[in-house]
Structures are given as structure tokens and as C-alpha cells.
């Protein structure tokens, strides 16, 4: 928030960046860059994470948001997560099973319970061919860079894609069925249909090539972002009867 934040924000760091392997299982510290985990898996001939190539941030961040791309999610091969905390006065570490993490599309218990801090995670992957996995990773990064040019001041897709199963038939009748991908309606499509591309609020604007990219021109404020995001949600609701939800988390 522009006025600051009165709570406590913890940035967990572990300079060792540890990743250990036992057979098909990789155990990784939450502070390790997701890219490092993916490259380690590929070098070891382990498949299941390569489609996440190019997603910035740490393993912990990816777990909190249940990040995913191109039909693959970070929780697909995750088996358990070590956390710190859990409630008032709960100063302990413990392991949560995948089920206890309550992973759903771009969400998890960690988004709902901010007292839980992700420390480590365990993944059980599949056997793969390193060269094929490396090529797939490179192709995905190349595709992503067309959408997210290096240096772009953007948090990625701002809104979640919409699950068809959560949409009424009345709203579905207003959707171009050819735009539905794997049971999801792209938020970028909905936003483009309401004229989002190029819209601006103060220092933040929508990319002219993708309706779901809110870009900071260098002087954007929290208020600018929230104001524009609120306007976009209202436009989509008015045209399609669909309430789009933020994929990013706003600290307030």
C-alpha cells in the first residue's frame, strides 16, 4: 500500500540453496529459485517441472500460488511441504502432506493462512530424457519471452483464468467456445473483449498485445493498480456476468 504496511513481512532466505536427490525425489529449500530446481531436475533426467521454465521467483513462491503453465503445475509432483508456524503462538516446524496443502487452481492453504511460512518441499518426479526435457524448456522460455520481454515491469498474469465449471450457462453462451482451453476461459480473452488493451490509470497500463498484463511505466502506485484492476473486474462482470479473481496477492 502507498501508505505502508503495519504488519510483519518475512522474506525467507537460505544462502545454501540446497537441493538434494534420492532416486526420483528432490527435496529443495523454499528460497531456491524455481529456475534452479527445474534445471537440476532436467540435468538429472527427471521430468515433471520443465513446463514451468521461465516462471520467475522462488520455489516457495511457486508453491504458495500453485504456479503452473502449459498444462503443468508445481503441485503435480509435489508430495509434501515443510512449514513454520500455523497459528497464534505456534512456533514450530512441521511437514504438511500434499492433501493438507489444499492445492486448487492457482491457490493453496498458504494463500489463505498467512501464518504458514514455506521452508522446504519434496517432489517425486518421473524418469525422462535430459536432452528432450532441455529442448522443451528452451522452447517454453522462448515462447514466454514473447509475452514477457526481459525487463517488463509486470507481475505476470494479473487475473486467474476462469474455470468453465464455475461459470453459468448464461455466461457461457456469451463466450467464443474456440477460446476455451483445457476447461478454462482465458482472462486475457475476457479482458480484451471489454476493451482492456491500452487502458491506463496513472502509472499503470494494460499491454496493447495482451489484456491480462498490467504494466508499471515506472511511476505506478498501489492506488493506480487497485483502481485499474477494480475497473477491469467491473467491465468483465457487466459484459459476461463473470467475476474474475486476482492471481496476484495484494498486501493491505
Protein backbone atom coordinates (compact mmCIF):
# COMPACT_ATOMS: atom_id res chain seq x y z
CA UNK A 1 0.00 0.00 0.00
CA UNK A 2 1.12 3.57 -0.70
CA UNK A 3 0.76 4.42 2.99
CA UNK A 4 2.92 1.47 4.08
CA UNK A 5 2.13 -1.78 5.87
CA UNK A 6 1.80 -2.12 9.64
CA UNK A 7 2.29 -5.89 9.78
CA UNK A 8 5.35 -8.12 9.65
CA UNK A 9 6.65 -9.30 6.28
CA UNK A 10 9.12 -12.20 6.38
CA UNK A 11 11.40 -12.91 3.43
CA UNK A 12 12.82 -16.37 4.00
CA UNK A 13 16.34 -16.80 2.66
CA UNK A 14 18.75 -19.70 2.78
CA UNK A 15 22.02 -18.85 1.11
CA UNK A 16 22.99 -22.51 0.75
CA UNK A 17 20.24 -23.03 -1.83
CA UNK A 18 20.09 -26.70 -1.06
CA UNK A 19 18.60 -29.30 -3.40
CA UNK A 20 19.08 -32.96 -2.50
CA UNK A 21 18.20 -36.03 -4.53
CA UNK A 22 17.23 -39.55 -3.60
CA UNK A 23 16.15 -41.56 -6.63
CA UNK A 24 13.20 -39.79 -8.24
CA UNK A 25 12.74 -37.49 -5.24
CA UNK A 26 14.12 -33.96 -4.96
CA UNK A 27 13.99 -32.04 -1.67
CA UNK A 28 14.50 -28.29 -2.06
CA UNK A 29 14.68 -25.21 0.14
CA UNK A 30 11.86 -22.70 -0.45
CA UNK A 31 14.34 -19.89 -1.14
CA UNK A 32 15.86 -21.67 -4.16
CA UNK A 33 14.97 -20.03 -7.49
CA UNK A 34 12.39 -22.12 -9.34
CA UNK A 35 14.65 -22.00 -12.40
CA UNK A 36 17.43 -23.74 -10.44
CA UNK A 37 15.12 -26.53 -9.34
CA UNK A 38 13.95 -27.06 -12.91
CA UNK A 39 17.49 -27.13 -14.33
CA UNK A 40 18.60 -29.55 -11.59
CA UNK A 41 15.71 -31.87 -12.43
CA UNK A 42 16.45 -31.71 -16.15
CA UNK A 43 20.16 -32.39 -15.65
CA UNK A 44 19.20 -35.45 -13.59
CA UNK A 45 16.80 -36.69 -16.28
CA UNK A 46 13.76 -36.07 -14.10
CA UNK A 47 10.53 -34.92 -15.76
CA UNK A 48 7.54 -33.06 -14.34
CA UNK A 49 8.70 -29.46 -13.89
CA UNK A 50 10.05 -28.46 -17.31
CA UNK A 51 6.84 -26.71 -18.45
CA UNK A 52 7.32 -24.22 -15.61
CA UNK A 53 10.50 -22.92 -17.23
CA UNK A 54 10.68 -19.15 -17.40
CA UNK A 55 8.43 -18.52 -14.40
CA UNK A 56 10.34 -16.10 -12.14
CA UNK A 57 10.65 -16.27 -8.38
CA UNK A 58 11.39 -18.95 -5.81
CA UNK A 59 10.16 -22.48 -5.21
CA UNK A 60 8.34 -21.22 -2.11
CA UNK A 61 6.54 -18.54 -4.05
CA UNK A 62 5.51 -21.01 -6.74
CA UNK A 63 4.10 -23.33 -4.09
CA UNK A 64 2.12 -20.58 -2.35
CA UNK A 65 0.44 -19.56 -5.62
CA UNK A 66 0.34 -23.11 -7.01
CA UNK A 67 2.02 -21.77 -10.12
CA UNK A 68 1.57 -23.51 -13.43
CA UNK A 69 1.90 -23.17 -17.18
CA UNK A 70 1.28 -25.16 -20.34
CA UNK A 71 -0.73 -27.86 -18.58
CA UNK A 72 1.76 -28.47 -15.78
CA UNK A 73 1.56 -27.25 -12.18
CA UNK A 74 4.14 -27.03 -9.41
CA UNK A 75 1.92 -29.18 -7.18
CA UNK A 76 1.53 -32.02 -9.72
CA UNK A 77 4.54 -33.93 -8.44
CA UNK A 78 4.82 -32.35 -5.01
CA UNK A 79 4.50 -34.82 -2.13
CA UNK A 80 4.85 -32.67 0.99
CA UNK A 81 5.84 -29.22 2.27
CA UNK A 82 7.70 -28.24 5.43
CA UNK A 83 6.28 -25.11 7.08
CA UNK A 84 6.88 -22.89 10.06
CA UNK A 85 4.01 -21.58 12.18
CA UNK A 86 0.33 -22.30 11.83
CA UNK A 87 -1.48 -20.11 14.30
CA UNK A 88 -1.20 -17.83 17.30
CA UNK A 89 1.94 -18.74 19.19
CA UNK A 90 2.65 -21.79 17.01
CA UNK A 91 6.45 -21.56 16.83
CA UNK A 92 7.21 -24.94 15.30
CA UNK A 93 8.11 -26.58 12.03
CA UNK A 94 6.12 -29.46 10.59
CA UNK A 95 5.51 -31.28 7.33
CA UNK A 96 2.18 -30.99 5.53
CA UNK A 97 1.06 -33.62 3.05
CA UNK A 98 0.03 -32.58 -0.44
CA UNK A 99 -3.60 -33.02 0.58
CA UNK A 100 -3.14 -30.79 3.63
CA UNK A 101 -1.77 -28.05 1.37
CA UNK A 102 -5.23 -27.80 -0.23
CA UNK A 103 -3.95 -27.10 -3.73
CA UNK A 104 -6.53 -25.93 -6.26
CA UNK A 105 -6.16 -23.85 -9.40
CA UNK A 106 -3.65 -21.06 -8.57
CA UNK A 107 -4.41 -21.34 -4.87
CA UNK A 108 -3.34 -23.18 -1.72
CA UNK A 109 -3.69 -23.13 2.05
CA UNK A 110 -0.68 -20.80 2.08
CA UNK A 111 -2.64 -18.06 0.34
CA UNK A 112 -5.44 -18.40 2.87
CA UNK A 113 -3.33 -18.79 6.01
CA UNK A 114 -0.57 -16.21 6.06
CA UNK A 115 0.79 -17.58 9.34
CA UNK A 116 2.28 -20.53 7.45
CA UNK A 117 5.77 -19.96 6.06
CA UNK A 118 7.03 -22.44 3.47
CA UNK A 119 10.53 -23.73 4.32
CA UNK A 120 11.14 -26.81 2.16
CA UNK A 121 9.33 -29.04 -0.29
CA UNK A 122 9.65 -32.54 -1.64
CA UNK A 123 8.91 -33.58 -5.23
CA UNK A 124 8.68 -37.08 -6.66
CA UNK A 125 9.33 -36.78 -10.38
CA UNK A 126 9.35 -39.15 -13.36
CA UNK A 127 12.17 -40.55 -15.43
CA UNK A 128 12.81 -38.54 -18.59
CA UNK A 129 15.37 -37.79 -21.26
CA UNK A 130 17.57 -34.83 -20.31
CA UNK A 131 18.09 -33.59 -23.86
CA UNK A 132 14.40 -33.72 -24.73
CA UNK A 133 13.48 -32.01 -21.46
CA UNK A 134 16.14 -29.33 -22.03
CA UNK A 135 14.79 -28.61 -25.51
CA UNK A 136 11.23 -28.37 -24.22
CA UNK A 137 12.40 -25.97 -21.50
CA UNK A 138 14.21 -23.78 -24.03
CA UNK A 139 11.19 -23.69 -26.34
CA UNK A 140 8.88 -22.65 -23.49
CA UNK A 141 11.24 -19.88 -22.34
CA UNK A 142 11.38 -18.58 -25.91
CA UNK A 143 7.57 -18.56 -26.09
CA UNK A 144 7.26 -16.83 -22.71
CA UNK A 145 9.71 -14.10 -23.64
CA UNK A 146 7.44 -13.03 -26.49
CA UNK A 147 4.73 -12.32 -23.92
CA UNK A 148 7.03 -11.11 -21.15
CA UNK A 149 10.00 -9.32 -22.74
CA UNK A 150 13.01 -9.15 -20.36
CA UNK A 151 12.75 -6.05 -18.14
CA UNK A 152 8.97 -5.74 -18.39
CA UNK A 153 7.66 -4.30 -15.11
CA UNK A 154 4.75 -6.67 -14.80
CA UNK A 155 3.71 -9.33 -12.23
CA UNK A 156 2.72 -11.78 -14.94
CA UNK A 157 -0.92 -12.62 -15.49
CA UNK A 158 -2.79 -10.35 -13.08
CA UNK A 159 -6.08 -12.27 -13.07
CA UNK A 160 -6.71 -16.02 -12.95
CA UNK A 161 -8.15 -17.80 -15.94
CA UNK A 162 -11.76 -18.76 -15.27
CA UNK A 163 -12.75 -22.39 -14.73
CA UNK A 164 -15.65 -23.29 -17.02
CA UNK A 165 -17.21 -25.47 -14.31
CA UNK A 166 -17.72 -22.35 -12.20
CA UNK A 167 -19.48 -20.36 -14.93
CA UNK A 168 -23.23 -20.26 -15.51
CA UNK A 169 -24.68 -21.34 -18.84
CA UNK A 170 -25.94 -17.80 -19.39
CA UNK A 171 -22.37 -16.52 -19.20
CA UNK A 172 -21.00 -19.41 -21.28
CA UNK A 173 -23.41 -18.54 -24.08
CA UNK A 174 -21.59 -15.20 -24.38
CA UNK A 175 -18.18 -16.83 -24.78
CA UNK A 176 -16.49 -17.78 -28.05
CA UNK A 177 -16.17 -21.53 -27.44
CA UNK A 178 -12.98 -21.69 -29.50
CA UNK A 179 -11.27 -19.58 -26.83
CA UNK A 180 -11.81 -22.17 -24.08
CA UNK A 181 -8.60 -24.07 -23.34
CA UNK A 182 -8.46 -27.17 -21.12
CA UNK A 183 -11.64 -26.24 -19.33
CA UNK A 184 -10.54 -22.66 -18.72
CA UNK A 185 -11.62 -19.31 -20.17
CA UNK A 186 -8.51 -17.13 -20.53
CA UNK A 187 -8.78 -13.94 -18.50
CA UNK A 188 -6.85 -12.22 -21.28
CA UNK A 189 -9.64 -13.04 -23.74
CA UNK A 190 -12.36 -11.70 -21.43
CA UNK A 191 -10.39 -8.52 -20.80
CA UNK A 192 -9.64 -7.99 -24.48
CA UNK A 193 -13.36 -8.32 -25.22
CA UNK A 194 -14.18 -5.45 -22.86
CA UNK A 195 -11.55 -3.17 -24.39
CA UNK A 196 -8.89 -3.52 -21.72
CA UNK A 197 -5.88 -3.35 -24.02
CA UNK A 198 -4.19 0.04 -23.76
CA UNK A 199 -6.27 1.27 -20.82
CA UNK A 200 -4.30 3.37 -18.35
CA UNK A 201 -4.64 4.55 -14.76
CA UNK A 202 -1.87 6.86 -13.62
CA UNK A 203 1.40 4.97 -13.99
CA UNK A 204 -0.07 1.56 -14.80
CA UNK A 205 -1.43 0.45 -18.17
CA UNK A 206 -2.66 -2.68 -19.95
CA UNK A 207 -0.32 -4.06 -22.60
CA UNK A 208 -1.60 -3.45 -26.12
CA UNK A 209 -0.95 -7.09 -27.08
CA UNK A 210 -2.49 -8.88 -24.06
CA UNK A 211 -5.44 -7.85 -21.90
CA UNK A 212 -4.20 -9.56 -18.72
CA UNK A 213 -0.86 -7.78 -18.38
CA UNK A 214 -0.83 -4.76 -16.08
CA UNK A 215 2.44 -2.92 -16.68
CA UNK A 216 4.16 -0.32 -14.50
CA UNK A 217 5.61 2.50 -16.56
CA UNK A 218 7.93 3.31 -13.67
CA UNK A 219 5.77 5.59 -11.53
CA UNK A 220 2.72 3.42 -10.80
CA UNK A 221 1.31 3.43 -7.28
CA UNK A 222 -0.65 0.81 -5.37
CA UNK A 223 -3.73 3.00 -5.77
CA UNK A 224 -3.22 3.12 -9.54
CA UNK A 225 -3.08 -0.68 -9.73
CA UNK A 226 -6.09 -1.30 -7.49
CA UNK A 227 -8.17 1.35 -9.25
CA UNK A 228 -7.48 -0.10 -12.70
CA UNK A 229 -7.95 -3.70 -11.52
CA UNK A 230 -11.31 -2.80 -9.98
CA UNK A 231 -12.43 -1.14 -13.20
CA UNK A 232 -11.45 -4.21 -15.24
CA UNK A 233 -13.38 -6.54 -12.95
CA UNK A 234 -16.49 -4.38 -13.29
CA UNK A 235 -16.21 -4.31 -17.10
CA UNK A 236 -15.98 -8.13 -17.31
CA UNK A 237 -18.83 -8.56 -14.85
CA UNK A 238 -21.06 -6.19 -16.83
CA UNK A 239 -20.42 -7.89 -20.19
CA UNK A 240 -20.15 -11.56 -19.26
CA UNK A 241 -21.61 -11.86 -15.77
CA UNK A 242 -18.30 -13.36 -14.65
CA UNK A 243 -16.30 -12.23 -11.64
CA UNK A 244 -12.61 -12.54 -12.41
CA UNK A 245 -10.24 -13.02 -9.46
CA UNK A 246 -6.73 -11.72 -8.98
CA UNK A 247 -3.90 -14.21 -9.31
CA UNK A 248 -1.54 -11.77 -7.60
CA UNK A 249 -1.86 -11.12 -3.88
CA UNK A 250 -2.37 -7.59 -2.63
CA UNK A 251 -0.91 -6.77 0.77
CA UNK A 252 -3.16 -4.36 2.65
